[in-house]
Amino acid sequence: MGIAISDSLCHGCKKLPEARCVVACPGNLIRMDPSGSLAVMREQADCWDCYACVKMCPVGAIDIVLPYELAGREARLVPKLRRESIRWTLSVAGESDQTFELATRVPEELLETEP
């Protein structure tokens, strides 16, 4: 599947020393662009589909690229970090949203959202 980083939403976590997605990616596949203000994928084909970057993005700038069966139905899978869990919401056009919640431990500093 992979990910897509929105140029219009990403601000590179400018208040942090390093962008959250860059730090979170276990494959070191995300880097900052030459200007240092936008996160970009090194090689989409190398993505492990772990979605650590998606979970850590404070502004929702990273989307999961869904398979055609869902994407063709205007579906979207969105995570919401919570103190003790990650709540995933699957939205499909014309259908009721489905929510999945998974227990996790999120460090306090990652829960703070940026403007």
N, C-alpha and C. Protein backbone atom coordinates (compact mmCIF):
# COMPACT_ATOMS: atom_id res chain seq x y z
N MET A 1 0.83 -1.19 0.00
CA MET A 1 0.00 0.00 0.00
C MET A 1 0.88 1.25 0.00
N GLY A 2 1.54 1.57 1.09
CA GLY A 2 2.40 2.75 1.13
C GLY A 2 1.72 3.97 1.72
N ILE A 3 2.40 5.10 1.59
CA ILE A 3 1.90 6.35 2.15
C ILE A 3 1.99 7.47 1.13
N ALA A 4 1.29 8.56 1.41
CA ALA A 4 1.38 9.78 0.61
C ALA A 4 1.48 10.95 1.59
N ILE A 5 2.48 11.81 1.40
CA ILE A 5 2.68 12.96 2.27
C ILE A 5 2.17 14.20 1.55
N SER A 6 1.25 14.92 2.19
CA SER A 6 0.64 16.11 1.60
C SER A 6 1.57 17.31 1.71
N ASP A 7 1.94 17.87 0.56
CA ASP A 7 2.78 19.08 0.55
C ASP A 7 2.07 20.26 1.21
N SER A 8 0.76 20.30 1.10
CA SER A 8 0.03 21.44 1.64
C SER A 8 -0.20 21.35 3.15
N LEU A 9 -0.18 20.15 3.73
CA LEU A 9 -0.39 20.00 5.17
C LEU A 9 0.89 19.87 5.98
N CYS A 10 1.91 19.24 5.41
CA CYS A 10 3.15 19.00 6.14
C CYS A 10 3.88 20.31 6.41
N HIS A 11 4.31 20.47 7.66
CA HIS A 11 5.12 21.64 8.02
C HIS A 11 6.46 21.22 8.62
N GLY A 12 6.79 19.93 8.50
CA GLY A 12 8.08 19.44 8.95
C GLY A 12 8.29 19.48 10.45
N CYS A 13 7.18 19.55 11.21
CA CYS A 13 7.28 19.63 12.68
C CYS A 13 8.28 20.71 13.07
N LYS A 14 8.09 21.88 12.52
CA LYS A 14 9.06 22.98 12.64
C LYS A 14 9.45 23.35 14.07
N LYS A 15 8.62 23.04 15.05
CA LYS A 15 8.97 23.37 16.43
C LYS A 15 9.82 22.30 17.11
N LEU A 16 10.06 21.20 16.41
CA LEU A 16 10.85 20.09 16.96
C LEU A 16 12.21 20.03 16.27
N PRO A 17 13.22 19.46 16.92
CA PRO A 17 14.53 19.35 16.28
C PRO A 17 14.51 18.45 15.04
N GLU A 18 13.60 17.47 15.02
CA GLU A 18 13.48 16.57 13.88
C GLU A 18 12.01 16.19 13.72
N ALA A 19 11.56 16.09 12.49
CA ALA A 19 10.16 15.76 12.22
C ALA A 19 9.80 14.40 12.83
N ARG A 20 8.60 14.29 13.37
CA ARG A 20 8.15 13.05 14.02
C ARG A 20 8.17 11.86 13.08
N CYS A 21 7.75 12.06 11.84
CA CYS A 21 7.71 10.94 10.90
C CYS A 21 9.11 10.44 10.57
N VAL A 22 10.08 11.35 10.48
CA VAL A 22 11.46 10.97 10.20
C VAL A 22 11.99 10.10 11.34
N VAL A 23 11.71 10.50 12.57
CA VAL A 23 12.15 9.76 13.74
C VAL A 23 11.43 8.42 13.84
N ALA A 24 10.13 8.40 13.53
CA ALA A 24 9.31 7.19 13.71
C ALA A 24 9.58 6.10 12.69
N CYS A 25 10.01 6.45 11.50
CA CYS A 25 10.17 5.45 10.43
C CYS A 25 11.31 4.47 10.74
N PRO A 26 10.97 3.18 10.94
CA PRO A 26 12.00 2.21 11.28
C PRO A 26 12.93 1.87 10.12
N GLY A 27 12.52 2.19 8.91
CA GLY A 27 13.34 1.89 7.74
C GLY A 27 14.16 3.06 7.25
N ASN A 28 14.10 4.19 7.98
CA ASN A 28 14.80 5.41 7.58
C ASN A 28 14.44 5.80 6.15
N LEU A 29 13.15 5.73 5.84
CA LEU A 29 12.69 5.97 4.48
C LEU A 29 12.14 7.37 4.25
N ILE A 30 11.99 8.14 5.33
CA ILE A 30 11.48 9.50 5.20
C ILE A 30 12.60 10.47 5.56
N ARG A 31 12.72 11.51 4.78
CA ARG A 31 13.73 12.54 5.03
C ARG A 31 13.09 13.91 4.81
N MET A 32 13.81 14.94 5.15
CA MET A 32 13.33 16.29 4.90
C MET A 32 13.80 16.72 3.51
N ASP A 33 12.99 17.54 2.84
CA ASP A 33 13.39 18.05 1.53
C ASP A 33 14.58 19.00 1.71
N PRO A 34 15.22 19.43 0.62
CA PRO A 34 16.39 20.30 0.74
C PRO A 34 16.15 21.59 1.54
N SER A 35 14.92 22.09 1.52
CA SER A 35 14.63 23.31 2.28
C SER A 35 14.46 23.03 3.78
N GLY A 36 14.27 21.74 4.13
CA GLY A 36 14.09 21.36 5.53
C GLY A 36 12.71 21.64 6.09
N SER A 37 11.76 21.93 5.21
CA SER A 37 10.42 22.28 5.69
C SER A 37 9.33 21.28 5.33
N LEU A 38 9.69 20.22 4.62
CA LEU A 38 8.70 19.26 4.15
C LEU A 38 9.27 17.85 4.19
N ALA A 39 8.52 16.91 4.74
CA ALA A 39 8.95 15.51 4.76
C ALA A 39 8.64 14.87 3.41
N VAL A 40 9.54 14.03 2.94
CA VAL A 40 9.35 13.32 1.68
C VAL A 40 9.82 11.87 1.83
N MET A 41 9.23 10.99 1.03
CA MET A 41 9.64 9.58 1.02
C MET A 41 10.88 9.43 0.16
N ARG A 42 11.80 8.59 0.62
CA ARG A 42 13.00 8.30 -0.19
C ARG A 42 12.59 7.41 -1.36
N GLU A 43 12.05 6.23 -1.07
CA GLU A 43 11.61 5.29 -2.10
C GLU A 43 10.30 4.65 -1.65
N GLN A 44 9.22 4.98 -2.30
CA GLN A 44 7.90 4.46 -1.93
C GLN A 44 7.87 2.93 -1.94
N ALA A 45 8.56 2.33 -2.88
CA ALA A 45 8.56 0.87 -3.00
C ALA A 45 9.19 0.17 -1.80
N ASP A 46 10.01 0.88 -1.04
CA ASP A 46 10.67 0.30 0.13
C ASP A 46 9.84 0.41 1.40
N CYS A 47 8.71 1.09 1.36
CA CYS A 47 7.87 1.29 2.54
C CYS A 47 7.42 -0.06 3.11
N TRP A 48 7.54 -0.21 4.43
CA TRP A 48 7.20 -1.47 5.10
C TRP A 48 5.73 -1.56 5.45
N ASP A 49 4.96 -0.52 5.22
CA ASP A 49 3.54 -0.47 5.58
C ASP A 49 3.31 -0.60 7.08
N CYS A 50 4.24 -0.10 7.88
CA CYS A 50 4.05 -0.16 9.34
C CYS A 50 3.20 1.02 9.82
N TYR A 51 3.20 2.10 9.06
CA TYR A 51 2.41 3.31 9.32
C TYR A 51 2.79 4.02 10.62
N ALA A 52 4.03 3.81 11.08
CA ALA A 52 4.50 4.55 12.26
C ALA A 52 4.46 6.04 11.97
N CYS A 53 4.82 6.43 10.77
CA CYS A 53 4.82 7.86 10.40
C CYS A 53 3.40 8.43 10.40
N VAL A 54 2.45 7.66 9.91
CA VAL A 54 1.05 8.10 9.86
C VAL A 54 0.54 8.36 11.27
N LYS A 55 0.87 7.45 12.17
CA LYS A 55 0.42 7.55 13.56
C LYS A 55 1.02 8.74 14.27
N MET A 56 2.24 9.13 13.92
CA MET A 56 2.95 10.19 14.63
C MET A 56 2.69 11.59 14.08
N CYS A 57 2.14 11.71 12.89
CA CYS A 57 1.96 13.03 12.29
C CYS A 57 0.90 13.83 13.04
N PRO A 58 1.28 14.99 13.60
CA PRO A 58 0.33 15.78 14.40
C PRO A 58 -0.72 16.52 13.58
N VAL A 59 -0.49 16.66 12.27
CA VAL A 59 -1.43 17.43 11.45
C VAL A 59 -2.14 16.58 10.39
N GLY A 60 -1.95 15.27 10.43
CA GLY A 60 -2.63 14.39 9.48
C GLY A 60 -2.16 14.58 8.05
N ALA A 61 -0.88 14.91 7.87
CA ALA A 61 -0.35 15.17 6.53
C ALA A 61 0.04 13.89 5.78
N ILE A 62 0.02 12.75 6.48
CA ILE A 62 0.42 11.49 5.85
C ILE A 62 -0.78 10.57 5.75
N ASP A 63 -1.13 10.23 4.54
CA ASP A 63 -2.26 9.33 4.29
C ASP A 63 -1.76 7.95 3.91
N ILE A 64 -2.57 6.97 4.24
CA ILE A 64 -2.31 5.60 3.81
C ILE A 64 -2.87 5.46 2.40
N VAL A 65 -2.04 4.95 1.50
CA VAL A 65 -2.51 4.71 0.13
C VAL A 65 -3.23 3.36 0.17
N LEU A 66 -4.54 3.42 0.08
CA LEU A 66 -5.37 2.22 0.17
C LEU A 66 -5.42 1.48 -1.16
N PRO A 67 -5.65 0.17 -1.12
CA PRO A 67 -5.79 -0.58 -2.37
C PRO A 67 -7.01 -0.10 -3.15
N TYR A 68 -7.01 -0.34 -4.44
CA TYR A 68 -8.06 0.16 -5.31
C TYR A 68 -9.47 -0.21 -4.83
N GLU A 69 -9.62 -1.40 -4.28
CA GLU A 69 -10.95 -1.85 -3.85
C GLU A 69 -11.56 -0.86 -2.85
N LEU A 70 -10.73 -0.23 -2.02
CA LEU A 70 -11.22 0.76 -1.07
C LEU A 70 -11.09 2.17 -1.61
N ALA A 71 -9.95 2.48 -2.20
CA ALA A 71 -9.73 3.83 -2.71
C ALA A 71 -10.75 4.20 -3.78
N GLY A 72 -11.14 3.24 -4.58
CA GLY A 72 -12.14 3.48 -5.62
C GLY A 72 -13.52 3.77 -5.04
N ARG A 73 -13.69 3.50 -3.76
CA ARG A 73 -14.97 3.76 -3.09
C ARG A 73 -14.85 4.98 -2.16
N GLU A 74 -13.84 5.82 -2.44
CA GLU A 74 -13.60 7.04 -1.66
C GLU A 74 -13.42 6.73 -0.17
N ALA A 75 -12.60 5.72 0.11
CA ALA A 75 -12.34 5.32 1.50
C ALA A 75 -11.11 6.05 2.03
N ARG A 76 -11.08 6.18 3.35
CA ARG A 76 -9.96 6.80 4.03
C ARG A 76 -9.77 6.12 5.38
N LEU A 77 -8.53 5.84 5.74
CA LEU A 77 -8.19 5.24 7.01
C LEU A 77 -7.35 6.25 7.79
N VAL A 78 -7.87 6.70 8.94
CA VAL A 78 -7.25 7.79 9.68
C VAL A 78 -6.98 7.36 11.13
N PRO A 79 -5.74 7.55 11.62
CA PRO A 79 -5.44 7.25 13.02
C PRO A 79 -5.63 8.46 13.92
N LYS A 80 -5.93 8.23 15.16
CA LYS A 80 -6.00 9.29 16.18
C LYS A 80 -5.24 8.78 17.39
N LEU A 81 -4.13 9.45 17.70
CA LEU A 81 -3.34 9.05 18.87
C LEU A 81 -4.05 9.43 20.15
N ARG A 82 -4.08 8.51 21.06
CA ARG A 82 -4.62 8.74 22.39
C ARG A 82 -3.57 8.28 23.39
N ARG A 83 -3.73 8.63 24.62
CA ARG A 83 -2.72 8.31 25.64
C ARG A 83 -2.44 6.80 25.73
N GLU A 84 -3.45 5.98 25.73
CA GLU A 84 -3.28 4.54 25.91
C GLU A 84 -3.62 3.72 24.67
N SER A 85 -3.97 4.39 23.57
CA SER A 85 -4.38 3.63 22.40
C SER A 85 -4.24 4.46 21.12
N ILE A 86 -4.39 3.77 20.01
CA ILE A 86 -4.51 4.41 18.71
C ILE A 86 -5.87 4.00 18.18
N ARG A 87 -6.68 4.98 17.82
CA ARG A 87 -8.00 4.71 17.27
C ARG A 87 -7.94 4.93 15.76
N TRP A 88 -8.23 3.88 15.01
CA TRP A 88 -8.27 3.94 13.55
C TRP A 88 -9.71 4.05 13.12
N THR A 89 -10.00 4.97 12.21
CA THR A 89 -11.34 5.12 11.68
C THR A 89 -11.30 4.90 10.18
N LEU A 90 -12.09 3.94 9.71
CA LEU A 90 -12.21 3.66 8.29
C LEU A 90 -13.50 4.29 7.81
N SER A 91 -13.36 5.26 6.89
CA SER A 91 -14.53 5.92 6.31
C SER A 91 -14.64 5.52 4.85
N VAL A 92 -15.81 5.03 4.48
CA VAL A 92 -16.10 4.65 3.11
C VAL A 92 -17.34 5.42 2.69
N ALA A 93 -17.27 6.09 1.55
CA ALA A 93 -18.39 6.91 1.09
C ALA A 93 -19.68 6.10 1.07
N GLY A 94 -20.72 6.67 1.67
CA GLY A 94 -22.04 6.03 1.66
C GLY A 94 -22.23 4.96 2.70
N GLU A 95 -21.23 4.71 3.55
CA GLU A 95 -21.34 3.68 4.59
C GLU A 95 -21.02 4.28 5.95
N SER A 96 -21.42 3.59 7.00
CA SER A 96 -21.10 4.03 8.35
C SER A 96 -19.61 3.83 8.62
N ASP A 97 -19.01 4.77 9.35
CA ASP A 97 -17.60 4.64 9.72
C ASP A 97 -17.40 3.43 10.62
N GLN A 98 -16.25 2.80 10.46
CA GLN A 98 -15.86 1.70 11.34
C GLN A 98 -14.66 2.17 12.14
N THR A 99 -14.68 1.88 13.44
CA THR A 99 -13.59 2.31 14.32
C THR A 99 -12.94 1.10 14.96
N PHE A 100 -11.61 1.13 14.98
CA PHE A 100 -10.83 0.08 15.60
C PHE A 100 -9.89 0.74 16.59
N GLU A 101 -9.80 0.22 17.79
CA GLU A 101 -8.92 0.81 18.79
C GLU A 101 -7.93 -0.24 19.27
N LEU A 102 -6.66 0.14 19.25
CA LEU A 102 -5.59 -0.76 19.65
C LEU A 102 -4.81 -0.14 20.80
N ALA A 103 -4.54 -0.92 21.83
CA ALA A 103 -3.79 -0.44 22.98
C ALA A 103 -2.35 -0.15 22.58
N THR A 104 -1.80 0.89 23.15
CA THR A 104 -0.41 1.27 22.91
C THR A 104 0.05 2.18 24.02
N ARG A 105 1.33 2.45 24.04
CA ARG A 105 1.86 3.41 25.00
C ARG A 105 2.50 4.52 24.20
N VAL A 106 1.93 5.70 24.27
CA VAL A 106 2.43 6.85 23.53
C VAL A 106 3.10 7.81 24.50
N PRO A 107 4.36 8.18 24.26
CA PRO A 107 5.01 9.13 25.15
C PRO A 107 4.24 10.44 25.21
N GLU A 108 4.18 11.03 26.36
CA GLU A 108 3.41 12.26 26.59
C GLU A 108 3.74 13.37 25.59
N GLU A 109 5.03 13.55 25.29
CA GLU A 109 5.43 14.65 24.39
C GLU A 109 4.89 14.48 22.97
N LEU A 110 4.56 13.26 22.57
CA LEU A 110 4.02 13.04 21.24
C LEU A 110 2.53 13.31 21.15
N LEU A 111 1.87 13.42 22.29
CA LEU A 111 0.43 13.70 22.30
C LEU A 111 0.14 15.17 22.09
N GLU A 112 1.10 16.03 22.35
CA GLU A 112 0.90 17.46 22.18
C GLU A 112 0.76 17.76 20.71
N THR A 113 -0.26 18.51 20.35
CA THR A 113 -0.46 18.86 18.94
C THR A 113 0.11 20.24 18.69
N GLU A 114 0.54 20.44 17.46
CA GLU A 114 1.10 21.73 17.05
C GLU A 114 0.04 22.50 16.28
N PRO A 115 0.08 23.83 16.35
CA PRO A 115 -0.90 24.63 15.59
C PRO A 115 -0.69 24.52 14.10
